[in-house]
């Protein structure tokens, strides 16, 4: 923690404006404008014009292709992606995303920069959703689907907390913002399929302006003064036009949600989004909040066994549809057990 004097001294080094105002000889630039491809392409060109052709230009994005953004740059090999997680000060993981022509020097500089920031860098492929959001999103969507199917919000969250998650998936969505999650889905669904398709009734929540903690309207109620989370918002069932039936047991909810995360983790190895399971285990704990005492998502797969997981996924296909079809990596792993 900084002393108040040191904090003021540090804050004086920060300046802001509506145009580029920093030293034109900067060597590392991080862009964090909102998720719009055309805007980011414009920014990368303006940054190289202002700071010079030798800068390392880091794109902060969670959904867009780094290669598409870098394509507009005068020197594409100096462009790399950084994916910070919110809240940035509390989250140790930082995904680093080189594209096809990013130079080794640029990658090394980005990793060194991440370590200087106190982050744990994870090198991932320039693929939709990268790694953490890729495994987290189907898990979150399945939790929403459980509610739509008639399960109570607090019961769904409590079920996953009993499995070991520090926070339930619906509370997690409130923290990140349902609008943020929904905005990322079309690109993911287009590239990756029905596992990332938004349940249609979610649009009712968007139309009802349920953005979560940031506007005190989400799956939960919030204290208007402190922002503290209270009990579930019972009016959400009316908004979704559903009635709670609570037909599922705790373990059934856990399996539905966890299987979606497990299967996506398999896809990520299959498609070489990450380099190895050790890195994936660390990232799943620090980035996706997978219970640390379980050793990470791939350690959990090893413990349960791919054969058992594939059987569970196939059973869920019959119950809930093709989003549970097991990936080839899991099927091949099951055949060797």
C-alpha atoms as a PDB file:
ATOM      1  CA  UNK A   1       0.000   0.000   0.000  1.00  0.00           C
ATOM      2  CA  UNK A   2       1.172   3.532  -0.823  1.00  0.00           C
ATOM      3  CA  UNK A   3       1.422   6.261   1.776  1.00  0.00           C
ATOM      4  CA  UNK A   4      -0.807   9.274   1.096  1.00  0.00           C
ATOM      5  CA  UNK A   5       2.256  11.341   0.150  1.00  0.00           C
ATOM      6  CA  UNK A   6       3.564   8.708  -2.251  1.00  0.00           C
ATOM      7  CA  UNK A   7       0.093   8.335  -3.720  1.00  0.00           C
ATOM      8  CA  UNK A   8      -0.180  12.074  -4.449  1.00  0.00           C
ATOM      9  CA  UNK A   9       3.307  12.051  -5.956  1.00  0.00           C
ATOM     10  CA  UNK A  10       2.384   9.120  -8.199  1.00  0.00           C
ATOM     11  CA  UNK A  11      -0.942  10.654  -9.223  1.00  0.00           C
ATOM     12  CA  UNK A  12       0.870  13.785 -10.410  1.00  0.00           C
ATOM     13  CA  UNK A  13       2.600  11.644 -13.038  1.00  0.00           C
ATOM     14  CA  UNK A  14      -0.803  10.939 -14.622  1.00  0.00           C
ATOM     15  CA  UNK A  15      -2.359  13.394 -17.022  1.00  0.00           C
ATOM     16  CA  UNK A  16      -5.477  13.180 -19.168  1.00  0.00           C
ATOM     17  CA  UNK A  17      -7.028  14.792 -22.183  1.00  0.00           C
ATOM     18  CA  UNK A  18      -9.109  14.244 -25.284  1.00  0.00           C
ATOM     19  CA  UNK A  19      -6.103  13.656 -27.535  1.00  0.00           C
ATOM     20  CA  UNK A  20      -2.556  12.253 -27.329  1.00  0.00           C
ATOM     21  CA  UNK A  21      -0.669  14.374 -24.813  1.00  0.00           C
ATOM     22  CA  UNK A  22       2.123  12.199 -23.389  1.00  0.00           C
ATOM     23  CA  UNK A  23       5.776  12.286 -24.294  1.00  0.00           C
ATOM     24  CA  UNK A  24       6.105  11.565 -28.012  1.00  0.00           C
ATOM     25  CA  UNK A  25       9.132   9.357 -27.262  1.00  0.00           C
ATOM     26  CA  UNK A  26       7.183   6.829 -25.176  1.00  0.00           C
ATOM     27  CA  UNK A  27       8.249   3.226 -25.791  1.00  0.00           C
ATOM     28  CA  UNK A  28       5.182   1.309 -24.511  1.00  0.00           C
ATOM     29  CA  UNK A  29       1.591   2.364 -25.170  1.00  0.00           C
ATOM     30  CA  UNK A  30      -1.563   0.688 -23.832  1.00  0.00           C
ATOM     31  CA  UNK A  31      -4.859   1.423 -25.575  1.00  0.00           C
ATOM     32  CA  UNK A  32      -8.110   0.888 -23.663  1.00  0.00           C
ATOM     33  CA  UNK A  33     -10.900   2.414 -25.744  1.00  0.00           C
ATOM     34  CA  UNK A  34     -14.196   0.539 -25.902  1.00  0.00           C
ATOM     35  CA  UNK A  35     -14.683  -2.652 -27.940  1.00  0.00           C
ATOM     36  CA  UNK A  36     -15.114  -1.336 -31.465  1.00  0.00           C
ATOM     37  CA  UNK A  37     -12.884  -2.722 -34.221  1.00  0.00           C
ATOM     38  CA  UNK A  38     -12.962   0.374 -36.432  1.00  0.00           C
ATOM     39  CA  UNK A  39     -12.116   2.662 -33.507  1.00  0.00           C
ATOM     40  CA  UNK A  40      -9.236   0.458 -32.382  1.00  0.00           C
ATOM     41  CA  UNK A  41      -7.853   0.323 -35.921  1.00  0.00           C
ATOM     42  CA  UNK A  42      -7.977   4.113 -36.045  1.00  0.00           C
ATOM     43  CA  UNK A  43      -6.249   4.395 -32.666  1.00  0.00           C
ATOM     44  CA  UNK A  44      -3.358   2.127 -33.594  1.00  0.00           C
ATOM     45  CA  UNK A  45      -2.558   4.265 -36.648  1.00  0.00           C
ATOM     46  CA  UNK A  46      -2.782   7.525 -34.704  1.00  0.00           C
ATOM     47  CA  UNK A  47      -0.575   6.139 -31.924  1.00  0.00           C
ATOM     48  CA  UNK A  48       2.211   5.131 -34.315  1.00  0.00           C
ATOM     49  CA  UNK A  49       1.987   8.541 -36.001  1.00  0.00           C
ATOM     50  CA  UNK A  50       2.305  10.344 -32.657  1.00  0.00           C
ATOM     51  CA  UNK A  51       4.764   8.144 -30.738  1.00  0.00           C
ATOM     52  CA  UNK A  52       6.824   6.816 -33.623  1.00  0.00           C
ATOM     53  CA  UNK A  53       7.268   3.479 -35.334  1.00  0.00           C
ATOM     54  CA  UNK A  54       9.353   1.820 -32.593  1.00  0.00           C
ATOM     55  CA  UNK A  55       6.730   1.732 -29.839  1.00  0.00           C
ATOM     56  CA  UNK A  56       5.256  -1.489 -28.501  1.00  0.00           C
ATOM     57  CA  UNK A  57       1.524  -0.994 -28.883  1.00  0.00           C
ATOM     58  CA  UNK A  58      -0.673  -3.039 -26.548  1.00  0.00           C
ATOM     59  CA  UNK A  59      -4.356  -3.442 -27.370  1.00  0.00           C
ATOM     60  CA  UNK A  60      -6.558  -3.988 -24.313  1.00  0.00           C
ATOM     61  CA  UNK A  61      -9.463  -6.143 -25.492  1.00  0.00           C
ATOM     62  CA  UNK A  62     -11.477  -9.150 -24.399  1.00  0.00           C
ATOM     63  CA  UNK A  63     -13.242 -10.000 -27.663  1.00  0.00           C
ATOM     64  CA  UNK A  64     -11.567  -8.546 -30.758  1.00  0.00           C
ATOM     65  CA  UNK A  65      -8.924 -10.075 -33.022  1.00  0.00           C
ATOM     66  CA  UNK A  66      -5.472  -8.612 -32.420  1.00  0.00           C
ATOM     67  CA  UNK A  67      -4.443  -9.522 -35.971  1.00  0.00           C
ATOM     68  CA  UNK A  68      -7.336  -7.512 -37.444  1.00  0.00           C
ATOM     69  CA  UNK A  69      -6.379  -4.475 -35.369  1.00  0.00           C
ATOM     70  CA  UNK A  70      -2.654  -4.824 -36.101  1.00  0.00           C
ATOM     71  CA  UNK A  71      -3.344  -5.123 -39.835  1.00  0.00           C
ATOM     72  CA  UNK A  72      -3.857  -1.343 -39.951  1.00  0.00           C
ATOM     73  CA  UNK A  73      -0.638  -0.538 -38.089  1.00  0.00           C
ATOM     74  CA  UNK A  74       2.507   0.769 -39.864  1.00  0.00           C
ATOM     75  CA  UNK A  75       4.486  -1.873 -37.945  1.00  0.00           C
ATOM     76  CA  UNK A  76       2.192  -4.836 -37.115  1.00  0.00           C
ATOM     77  CA  UNK A  77       4.984  -6.861 -35.482  1.00  0.00           C
ATOM     78  CA  UNK A  78       5.075  -4.276 -32.656  1.00  0.00           C
ATOM     79  CA  UNK A  79       1.390  -4.813 -31.818  1.00  0.00           C
ATOM     80  CA  UNK A  80       0.244  -7.223 -29.091  1.00  0.00           C
ATOM     81  CA  UNK A  81      -2.898  -7.796 -27.055  1.00  0.00           C
ATOM     82  CA  UNK A  82      -3.274  -7.414 -23.293  1.00  0.00           C
ATOM     83  CA  UNK A  83      -6.422  -8.593 -21.550  1.00  0.00           C
ATOM     84  CA  UNK A  84      -6.808  -7.179 -18.042  1.00  0.00           C
ATOM     85  CA  UNK A  85      -9.515  -8.488 -15.734  1.00  0.00           C
ATOM     86  CA  UNK A  86     -11.800  -6.319 -13.652  1.00  0.00           C
ATOM     87  CA  UNK A  87     -11.221  -5.075 -11.017  1.00  0.00           C
ATOM     88  CA  UNK A  88      -7.680  -4.623 -12.341  1.00  0.00           C
ATOM     89  CA  UNK A  89      -6.101  -3.834  -8.964  1.00  0.00           C
ATOM     90  CA  UNK A  90      -7.361  -7.112  -7.468  1.00  0.00           C
ATOM     91  CA  UNK A  91      -6.908  -9.540 -10.358  1.00  0.00           C
ATOM     92  CA  UNK A  92      -3.398 -10.964 -10.749  1.00  0.00           C
ATOM     93  CA  UNK A  93      -3.875 -12.676 -14.116  1.00  0.00           C
ATOM     94  CA  UNK A  94      -3.069 -10.866 -17.370  1.00  0.00           C
ATOM     95  CA  UNK A  95      -3.539 -12.538 -20.737  1.00  0.00           C
ATOM     96  CA  UNK A  96      -0.930 -11.612 -23.348  1.00  0.00           C
ATOM     97  CA  UNK A  97      -2.028 -12.194 -26.933  1.00  0.00           C
ATOM     98  CA  UNK A  98       0.483 -12.098 -29.793  1.00  0.00           C
ATOM     99  CA  UNK A  99      -0.881 -12.348 -33.324  1.00  0.00           C
ATOM    100  CA  UNK A 100       0.744 -14.226 -36.201  1.00  0.00           C
ATOM    101  CA  UNK A 101       3.464 -11.673 -36.930  1.00  0.00           C
ATOM    102  CA  UNK A 102       4.091 -10.221 -33.450  1.00  0.00           C
ATOM    103  CA  UNK A 103       7.863 -10.200 -32.932  1.00  0.00           C
ATOM    104  CA  UNK A 104       9.633 -12.110 -30.152  1.00  0.00           C
ATOM    105  CA  UNK A 105      10.986  -8.800 -28.844  1.00  0.00           C
ATOM    106  CA  UNK A 106       7.465  -7.409 -28.538  1.00  0.00           C
ATOM    107  CA  UNK A 107       6.319 -10.533 -26.665  1.00  0.00           C
ATOM    108  CA  UNK A 108       9.307 -10.362 -24.309  1.00  0.00           C
ATOM    109  CA  UNK A 109       8.692  -6.671 -23.620  1.00  0.00           C
ATOM    110  CA  UNK A 110       5.007  -7.279 -22.880  1.00  0.00           C
ATOM    111  CA  UNK A 111       5.780 -10.141 -20.478  1.00  0.00           C
ATOM    112  CA  UNK A 112       8.398  -8.007 -18.693  1.00  0.00           C
ATOM    113  CA  UNK A 113       5.921  -5.128 -18.453  1.00  0.00           C
ATOM    114  CA  UNK A 114       3.261  -7.435 -16.962  1.00  0.00           C
ATOM    115  CA  UNK A 115       5.677  -8.694 -14.310  1.00  0.00           C
ATOM    116  CA  UNK A 116       6.650  -5.106 -13.447  1.00  0.00           C
ATOM    117  CA  UNK A 117       2.956  -4.425 -12.860  1.00  0.00           C
ATOM    118  CA  UNK A 118       2.792  -7.329 -10.428  1.00  0.00           C
ATOM    119  CA  UNK A 119       0.729  -9.438 -12.825  1.00  0.00           C
ATOM    120  CA  UNK A 120       1.033 -13.125 -13.707  1.00  0.00           C
ATOM    121  CA  UNK A 121       1.277 -13.229 -17.522  1.00  0.00           C
ATOM    122  CA  UNK A 122      -0.451 -15.953 -19.516  1.00  0.00           C
ATOM    123  CA  UNK A 123       0.494 -16.259 -23.170  1.00  0.00           C
ATOM    124  CA  UNK A 124      -2.602 -17.208 -25.197  1.00  0.00           C
ATOM    125  CA  UNK A 125      -3.491 -17.533 -28.871  1.00  0.00           C
ATOM    126  CA  UNK A 126      -5.274 -14.782 -30.792  1.00  0.00           C
ATOM    127  CA  UNK A 127      -8.537 -16.712 -30.692  1.00  0.00           C
ATOM    128  CA  UNK A 128     -12.084 -15.529 -29.821  1.00  0.00           C
ATOM    129  CA  UNK A 129     -12.476 -15.180 -26.050  1.00  0.00           C
ATOM    130  CA  UNK A 130      -8.792 -16.051 -25.512  1.00  0.00           C
ATOM    131  CA  UNK A 131      -8.656 -18.521 -22.575  1.00  0.00           C
ATOM    132  CA  UNK A 132     -10.257 -17.200 -19.397  1.00  0.00           C
ATOM    133  CA  UNK A 133     -13.409 -15.747 -20.988  1.00  0.00           C
ATOM    134  CA  UNK A 134     -13.553 -18.769 -23.281  1.00  0.00           C
ATOM    135  CA  UNK A 135     -13.938 -21.241 -20.385  1.00  0.00           C
ATOM    136  CA  UNK A 136     -15.933 -18.869 -18.168  1.00  0.00           C
ATOM    137  CA  UNK A 137     -18.662 -17.816 -20.616  1.00  0.00           C
ATOM    138  CA  UNK A 138     -20.354 -21.219 -21.215  1.00  0.00           C
ATOM    139  CA  UNK A 139     -20.321 -21.787 -17.443  1.00  0.00           C
ATOM    140  CA  UNK A 140     -22.070 -18.452 -16.831  1.00  0.00           C
ATOM    141  CA  UNK A 141     -24.588 -19.011 -19.626  1.00  0.00           C
ATOM    142  CA  UNK A 142     -25.500 -22.415 -18.235  1.00  0.00           C
ATOM    143  CA  UNK A 143     -26.171 -20.848 -14.821  1.00  0.00           C
ATOM    144  CA  UNK A 144     -28.559 -18.395 -16.502  1.00  0.00           C
ATOM    145  CA  UNK A 145     -30.209 -21.293 -18.335  1.00  0.00           C
ATOM    146  CA  UNK A 146     -30.732 -23.068 -15.006  1.00  0.00           C
ATOM    147  CA  UNK A 147     -32.685 -20.024 -13.770  1.00  0.00           C
ATOM    148  CA  UNK A 148     -34.715 -19.893 -16.990  1.00  0.00           C
ATOM    149  CA  UNK A 149     -35.475 -23.600 -16.501  1.00  0.00           C
ATOM    150  CA  UNK A 150     -36.971 -22.837 -13.103  1.00  0.00           C
ATOM    151  CA  UNK A 151     -34.153 -22.889 -10.542  1.00  0.00           C
ATOM    152  CA  UNK A 152     -33.869 -20.142  -7.911  1.00  0.00           C
ATOM    153  CA  UNK A 153     -31.033 -17.622  -8.279  1.00  0.00           C
ATOM    154  CA  UNK A 154     -29.636 -18.080  -4.776  1.00  0.00           C
ATOM    155  CA  UNK A 155     -29.881 -21.880  -5.061  1.00  0.00           C
ATOM    156  CA  UNK A 156     -27.849 -21.889  -8.289  1.00  0.00           C
ATOM    157  CA  UNK A 157     -25.166 -19.658  -6.773  1.00  0.00           C
ATOM    158  CA  UNK A 158     -25.067 -21.561  -3.496  1.00  0.00           C
ATOM    159  CA  UNK A 159     -24.692 -24.853  -5.377  1.00  0.00           C
ATOM    160  CA  UNK A 160     -21.550 -23.646  -7.149  1.00  0.00           C
ATOM    161  CA  UNK A 161     -20.199 -22.119  -3.950  1.00  0.00           C
ATOM    162  CA  UNK A 162     -20.580 -25.508  -2.254  1.00  0.00           C
ATOM    163  CA  UNK A 163     -18.473 -26.923  -5.089  1.00  0.00           C
ATOM    164  CA  UNK A 164     -15.807 -24.425  -4.085  1.00  0.00           C
ATOM    165  CA  UNK A 165     -16.273 -21.202  -6.063  1.00  0.00           C
ATOM    166  CA  UNK A 166     -15.799 -18.108  -3.918  1.00  0.00           C
ATOM    167  CA  UNK A 167     -18.691 -16.401  -5.668  1.00  0.00           C
ATOM    168  CA  UNK A 168     -21.655 -17.885  -7.532  1.00  0.00           C
ATOM    169  CA  UNK A 169     -21.971 -17.476 -11.316  1.00  0.00           C
ATOM    170  CA  UNK A 170     -25.022 -15.184 -11.207  1.00  0.00           C
ATOM    171  CA  UNK A 171     -23.416 -12.883  -8.636  1.00  0.00           C
ATOM    172  CA  UNK A 172     -20.318 -12.957 -10.861  1.00  0.00           C
ATOM    173  CA  UNK A 173     -22.418 -11.813 -13.828  1.00  0.00           C
ATOM    174  CA  UNK A 174     -23.812  -8.967 -11.710  1.00  0.00           C
ATOM    175  CA  UNK A 175     -20.251  -7.905 -10.869  1.00  0.00           C
ATOM    176  CA  UNK A 176     -19.037  -7.961 -14.478  1.00  0.00           C
ATOM    177  CA  UNK A 177     -22.274  -6.573 -15.935  1.00  0.00           C
ATOM    178  CA  UNK A 178     -24.817  -8.614 -17.891  1.00  0.00           C
ATOM    179  CA  UNK A 179     -24.584  -6.061 -20.708  1.00  0.00           C
ATOM    180  CA  UNK A 180     -20.833  -6.699 -20.998  1.00  0.00           C
ATOM    181  CA  UNK A 181     -21.365 -10.456 -21.184  1.00  0.00           C
ATOM    182  CA  UNK A 182     -24.148 -10.147 -23.762  1.00  0.00           C
ATOM    183  CA  UNK A 183     -22.107  -7.797 -25.961  1.00  0.00           C
ATOM    184  CA  UNK A 184     -19.335 -10.377 -26.239  1.00  0.00           C
ATOM    185  CA  UNK A 185     -21.613 -13.237 -27.309  1.00  0.00           C
ATOM    186  CA  UNK A 186     -22.361 -12.600 -31.027  1.00  0.00           C
ATOM    187  CA  UNK A 187     -18.689 -12.764 -32.035  1.00  0.00           C
ATOM    188  CA  UNK A 188     -18.079 -15.841 -29.861  1.00  0.00           C
ATOM    189  CA  UNK A 189     -21.202 -17.636 -31.095  1.00  0.00           C
ATOM    190  CA  UNK A 190     -20.338 -16.821 -34.707  1.00  0.00           C
ATOM    191  CA  UNK A 191     -16.845 -18.285 -34.365  1.00  0.00           C
ATOM    192  CA  UNK A 192     -17.408 -21.046 -31.796  1.00  0.00           C
ATOM    193  CA  UNK A 193     -21.018 -22.182 -32.134  1.00  0.00           C
ATOM    194  CA  UNK A 194     -24.061 -22.806 -29.965  1.00  0.00           C
ATOM    195  CA  UNK A 195     -22.080 -23.132 -26.739  1.00  0.00           C
ATOM    196  CA  UNK A 196     -21.961 -19.330 -26.773  1.00  0.00           C
ATOM    197  CA  UNK A 197     -25.511 -18.624 -27.913  1.00  0.00           C
ATOM    198  CA  UNK A 198     -27.430 -16.281 -25.630  1.00  0.00           C
ATOM    199  CA  UNK A 199     -30.609 -17.818 -24.164  1.00  0.00           C
ATOM    200  CA  UNK A 200     -33.389 -15.782 -25.853  1.00  0.00           C
ATOM    201  CA  UNK A 201     -35.056 -14.743 -22.584  1.00  0.00           C
ATOM    202  CA  UNK A 202     -31.889 -12.897 -21.543  1.00  0.00           C
ATOM    203  CA  UNK A 203     -33.056 -10.125 -23.868  1.00  0.00           C
ATOM    204  CA  UNK A 204     -35.895  -9.500 -21.396  1.00  0.00           C
ATOM    205  CA  UNK A 205     -33.266  -8.666 -18.764  1.00  0.00           C
ATOM    206  CA  UNK A 206     -31.373  -6.364 -21.118  1.00  0.00           C
ATOM    207  CA  UNK A 207     -34.609  -4.558 -22.041  1.00  0.00           C
ATOM    208  CA  UNK A 208     -35.282  -4.241 -18.294  1.00  0.00           C
ATOM    209  CA  UNK A 209     -31.900  -2.467 -17.880  1.00  0.00           C
ATOM    210  CA  UNK A 210     -30.465  -5.121 -15.563  1.00  0.00           C
ATOM    211  CA  UNK A 211     -26.757  -4.352 -15.758  1.00  0.00           C
ATOM    212  CA  UNK A 212     -25.920  -5.719 -12.318  1.00  0.00           C
ATOM    213  CA  UNK A 213     -24.019  -4.075  -9.486  1.00  0.00           C
ATOM    214  CA  UNK A 214     -23.103  -0.969 -11.483  1.00  0.00           C
ATOM    215  CA  UNK A 215     -26.741   0.198 -11.652  1.00  0.00           C
ATOM    216  CA  UNK A 216     -28.070  -1.808  -8.671  1.00  0.00           C
ATOM    217  CA  UNK A 217     -30.311  -3.866 -10.978  1.00  0.00           C
ATOM    218  CA  UNK A 218     -29.344  -7.454 -11.603  1.00  0.00           C
ATOM    219  CA  UNK A 219     -29.994 -10.937 -10.342  1.00  0.00           C
ATOM    220  CA  UNK A 220     -29.603  -9.496  -6.842  1.00  0.00           C
ATOM    221  CA  UNK A 221     -30.801  -6.442  -4.913  1.00  0.00           C
ATOM    222  CA  UNK A 222     -28.205  -3.897  -3.804  1.00  0.00           C
ATOM    223  CA  UNK A 223     -27.947  -1.299  -1.076  1.00  0.00           C
ATOM    224  CA  UNK A 224     -28.452   2.019  -2.873  1.00  0.00           C
ATOM    225  CA  UNK A 225     -26.014   3.785  -0.534  1.00  0.00           C
ATOM    226  CA  UNK A 226     -23.165   1.299  -0.179  1.00  0.00           C
ATOM    227  CA  UNK A 227     -23.707  -0.924  -3.219  1.00  0.00           C
ATOM    228  CA  UNK A 228     -23.544  -4.014  -0.983  1.00  0.00           C
ATOM    229  CA  UNK A 229     -25.208  -7.096  -2.419  1.00  0.00           C
ATOM    230  CA  UNK A 230     -28.344  -8.244  -0.599  1.00  0.00           C
ATOM    231  CA  UNK A 231     -30.793 -11.046  -1.406  1.00  0.00           C
ATOM    232  CA  UNK A 232     -31.903 -12.195  -4.859  1.00  0.00           C
ATOM    233  CA  UNK A 233     -34.267  -9.886  -6.727  1.00  0.00           C
ATOM    234  CA  UNK A 234     -37.507 -11.857  -6.861  1.00  0.00           C
ATOM    235  CA  UNK A 235     -38.942  -9.567  -9.530  1.00  0.00           C
ATOM    236  CA  UNK A 236     -36.534 -11.059 -12.047  1.00  0.00           C
ATOM    237  CA  UNK A 237     -38.716 -14.146 -12.393  1.00  0.00           C
ATOM    238  CA  UNK A 238     -41.592 -11.924 -13.505  1.00  0.00           C
ATOM    239  CA  UNK A 239     -39.262 -10.162 -15.946  1.00  0.00           C
ATOM    240  CA  UNK A 240     -38.193 -13.521 -17.398  1.00  0.00           C
ATOM    241  CA  UNK A 241     -41.809 -14.727 -17.417  1.00  0.00           C
ATOM    242  CA  UNK A 242     -40.944 -17.888 -15.500  1.00  0.00           C
ATOM    243  CA  UNK A 243     -42.016 -19.637 -12.318  1.00  0.00           C
ATOM    244  CA  UNK A 244     -39.453 -21.305 -10.065  1.00  0.00           C
ATOM    245  CA  UNK A 245     -39.923 -25.064  -9.822  1.00  0.00           C
ATOM    246  CA  UNK A 246     -36.599 -26.056  -8.187  1.00  0.00           C
ATOM    247  CA  UNK A 247     -36.655 -29.487  -9.821  1.00  0.00           C
ATOM    248  CA  UNK A 248     -32.881 -30.007  -9.720  1.00  0.00           C
ATOM    249  CA  UNK A 249     -30.633 -31.129  -6.887  1.00  0.00           C
ATOM    250  CA  UNK A 250     -27.494 -29.183  -5.988  1.00  0.00           C
ATOM    251  CA  UNK A 251     -25.239 -31.721  -7.718  1.00  0.00           C
ATOM    252  CA  UNK A 252     -27.280 -31.579 -10.940  1.00  0.00           C
ATOM    253  CA  UNK A 253     -26.826 -27.801 -11.155  1.00  0.00           C
ATOM    254  CA  UNK A 254     -23.121 -28.135 -10.428  1.00  0.00           C
ATOM    255  CA  UNK A 255     -22.639 -30.743 -13.140  1.00  0.00           C
ATOM    256  CA  UNK A 256     -24.504 -28.710 -15.767  1.00  0.00           C
ATOM    257  CA  UNK A 257     -22.346 -25.638 -15.189  1.00  0.00           C
ATOM    258  CA  UNK A 258     -19.004 -27.335 -14.539  1.00  0.00           C
ATOM    259  CA  UNK A 259     -19.312 -29.657 -17.541  1.00  0.00           C
ATOM    260  CA  UNK A 260     -19.642 -26.640 -19.821  1.00  0.00           C
ATOM    261  CA  UNK A 261     -16.423 -25.186 -18.392  1.00  0.00           C
ATOM    262  CA  UNK A 262     -14.599 -28.526 -18.593  1.00  0.00           C
ATOM    263  CA  UNK A 263     -15.605 -29.097 -22.213  1.00  0.00           C
ATOM    264  CA  UNK A 264     -14.480 -25.605 -23.223  1.00  0.00           C
ATOM    265  CA  UNK A 265     -11.160 -26.140 -21.473  1.00  0.00           C
ATOM    266  CA  UNK A 266     -10.782 -29.230 -23.653  1.00  0.00           C
ATOM    267  CA  UNK A 267     -11.520 -27.206 -26.778  1.00  0.00           C
ATOM    268  CA  UNK A 268      -8.850 -24.677 -25.715  1.00  0.00           C
ATOM    269  CA  UNK A 269      -6.161 -27.366 -25.568  1.00  0.00           C
ATOM    270  CA  UNK A 270      -7.440 -28.950 -28.773  1.00  0.00           C
ATOM    271  CA  UNK A 271      -7.163 -25.596 -30.578  1.00  0.00           C
ATOM    272  CA  UNK A 272      -3.862 -24.645 -28.877  1.00  0.00           C
ATOM    273  CA  UNK A 273      -5.306 -21.525 -27.242  1.00  0.00           C
ATOM    274  CA  UNK A 274      -2.922 -22.233 -24.345  1.00  0.00           C
ATOM    275  CA  UNK A 275       0.387 -24.052 -24.426  1.00  0.00           C
ATOM    276  CA  UNK A 276      -0.038 -26.602 -21.632  1.00  0.00           C
ATOM    277  CA  UNK A 277      -2.290 -27.774 -18.801  1.00  0.00           C
ATOM    278  CA  UNK A 278      -0.081 -26.315 -16.059  1.00  0.00           C
ATOM    279  CA  UNK A 279      -0.639 -22.797 -17.352  1.00  0.00           C
ATOM    280  CA  UNK A 280      -4.323 -23.584 -17.814  1.00  0.00           C
ATOM    281  CA  UNK A 281      -4.650 -24.723 -14.206  1.00  0.00           C
ATOM    282  CA  UNK A 282      -3.162 -21.482 -12.899  1.00  0.00           C
ATOM    283  CA  UNK A 283      -5.278 -19.353 -15.247  1.00  0.00           C
ATOM    284  CA  UNK A 284      -8.495 -21.176 -14.351  1.00  0.00           C
ATOM    285  CA  UNK A 285      -7.920 -20.447 -10.656  1.00  0.00           C
ATOM    286  CA  UNK A 286      -6.676 -16.860 -10.928  1.00  0.00           C
ATOM    287  CA  UNK A 287      -8.763 -15.815 -13.931  1.00  0.00           C
ATOM    288  CA  UNK A 288     -11.953 -17.912 -13.816  1.00  0.00           C
ATOM    289  CA  UNK A 289     -12.128 -18.401 -10.020  1.00  0.00           C
ATOM    290  CA  UNK A 290     -12.007 -22.205 -10.283  1.00  0.00           C
ATOM    291  CA  UNK A 291     -11.609 -23.563  -6.716  1.00  0.00           C
ATOM    292  CA  UNK A 292      -7.897 -23.523  -5.900  1.00  0.00           C
ATOM    293  CA  UNK A 293      -8.081 -26.583  -3.628  1.00  0.00           C
ATOM    294  CA  UNK A 294      -9.110 -28.617  -6.682  1.00  0.00           C
ATOM    295  CA  UNK A 295      -5.814 -27.744  -8.387  1.00  0.00           C
ATOM    296  CA  UNK A 296      -7.263 -26.073 -11.481  1.00  0.00           C
ATOM    297  CA  UNK A 297      -9.565 -27.172 -14.285  1.00  0.00           C
ATOM    298  CA  UNK A 298      -7.192 -29.694 -15.906  1.00  0.00           C
ATOM    299  CA  UNK A 299      -6.173 -31.196 -12.563  1.00  0.00           C
ATOM    300  CA  UNK A 300      -9.879 -31.704 -11.907  1.00  0.00           C
ATOM    301  CA  UNK A 301     -10.310 -33.392 -15.297  1.00  0.00           C
ATOM    302  CA  UNK A 302      -7.472 -35.779 -14.407  1.00  0.00           C
ATOM    303  CA  UNK A 303      -9.051 -36.574 -11.056  1.00  0.00           C
ATOM    304  CA  UNK A 304     -12.545 -37.277 -12.419  1.00  0.00           C
ATOM    305  CA  UNK A 305     -11.303 -38.966 -15.588  1.00  0.00           C
ATOM    306  CA  UNK A 306     -12.079 -38.106 -19.202  1.00  0.00           C
ATOM    307  CA  UNK A 307     -14.089 -41.318 -19.693  1.00  0.00           C
ATOM    308  CA  UNK A 308     -16.494 -40.338 -16.908  1.00  0.00           C
ATOM    309  CA  UNK A 309     -16.704 -36.746 -18.156  1.00  0.00           C
ATOM    310  CA  UNK A 310     -17.487 -37.795 -21.742  1.00  0.00           C
ATOM    311  CA  UNK A 311     -20.227 -40.096 -20.450  1.00  0.00           C
ATOM    312  CA  UNK A 312     -21.691 -37.227 -18.416  1.00  0.00           C
ATOM    313  CA  UNK A 313     -21.560 -34.869 -21.396  1.00  0.00           C
ATOM    314  CA  UNK A 314     -23.310 -37.370 -23.653  1.00  0.00           C
ATOM    315  CA  UNK A 315     -26.023 -37.868 -21.037  1.00  0.00           C
ATOM    316  CA  UNK A 316     -26.484 -34.089 -20.886  1.00  0.00           C
ATOM    317  CA  UNK A 317     -26.776 -33.926 -24.688  1.00  0.00           C
ATOM    318  CA  UNK A 318     -29.886 -36.090 -24.412  1.00  0.00           C
ATOM    319  CA  UNK A 319     -31.284 -33.895 -21.620  1.00  0.00           C
ATOM    320  CA  UNK A 320     -30.327 -30.394 -22.764  1.00  0.00           C
ATOM    321  CA  UNK A 321     -29.055 -30.390 -26.328  1.00  0.00           C
ATOM    322  CA  UNK A 322     -25.984 -30.175 -28.544  1.00  0.00           C
ATOM    323  CA  UNK A 323     -24.142 -27.539 -26.518  1.00  0.00           C
ATOM    324  CA  UNK A 324     -22.948 -30.461 -24.353  1.00  0.00           C
ATOM    325  CA  UNK A 325     -21.407 -32.484 -27.217  1.00  0.00           C
ATOM    326  CA  UNK A 326     -17.915 -33.467 -25.963  1.00  0.00           C
ATOM    327  CA  UNK A 327     -14.871 -32.088 -27.752  1.00  0.00           C
ATOM    328  CA  UNK A 328     -12.420 -34.328 -29.599  1.00  0.00           C
ATOM    329  CA  UNK A 329      -9.667 -33.742 -27.016  1.00  0.00           C
ATOM    330  CA  UNK A 330     -11.813 -35.236 -24.255  1.00  0.00           C
ATOM    331  CA  UNK A 331     -13.012 -38.104 -26.461  1.00  0.00           C
ATOM    332  CA  UNK A 332      -9.440 -39.030 -27.444  1.00  0.00           C
ATOM    333  CA  UNK A 333      -8.292 -38.732 -23.837  1.00  0.00           C
ATOM    334  CA  UNK A 334     -11.149 -40.995 -22.717  1.00  0.00           C
ATOM    335  CA  UNK A 335     -10.150 -43.650 -25.268  1.00  0.00           C
ATOM    336  CA  UNK A 336      -6.644 -43.878 -23.790  1.00  0.00           C
ATOM    337  CA  UNK A 337      -7.764 -44.260 -20.172  1.00  0.00           C
END
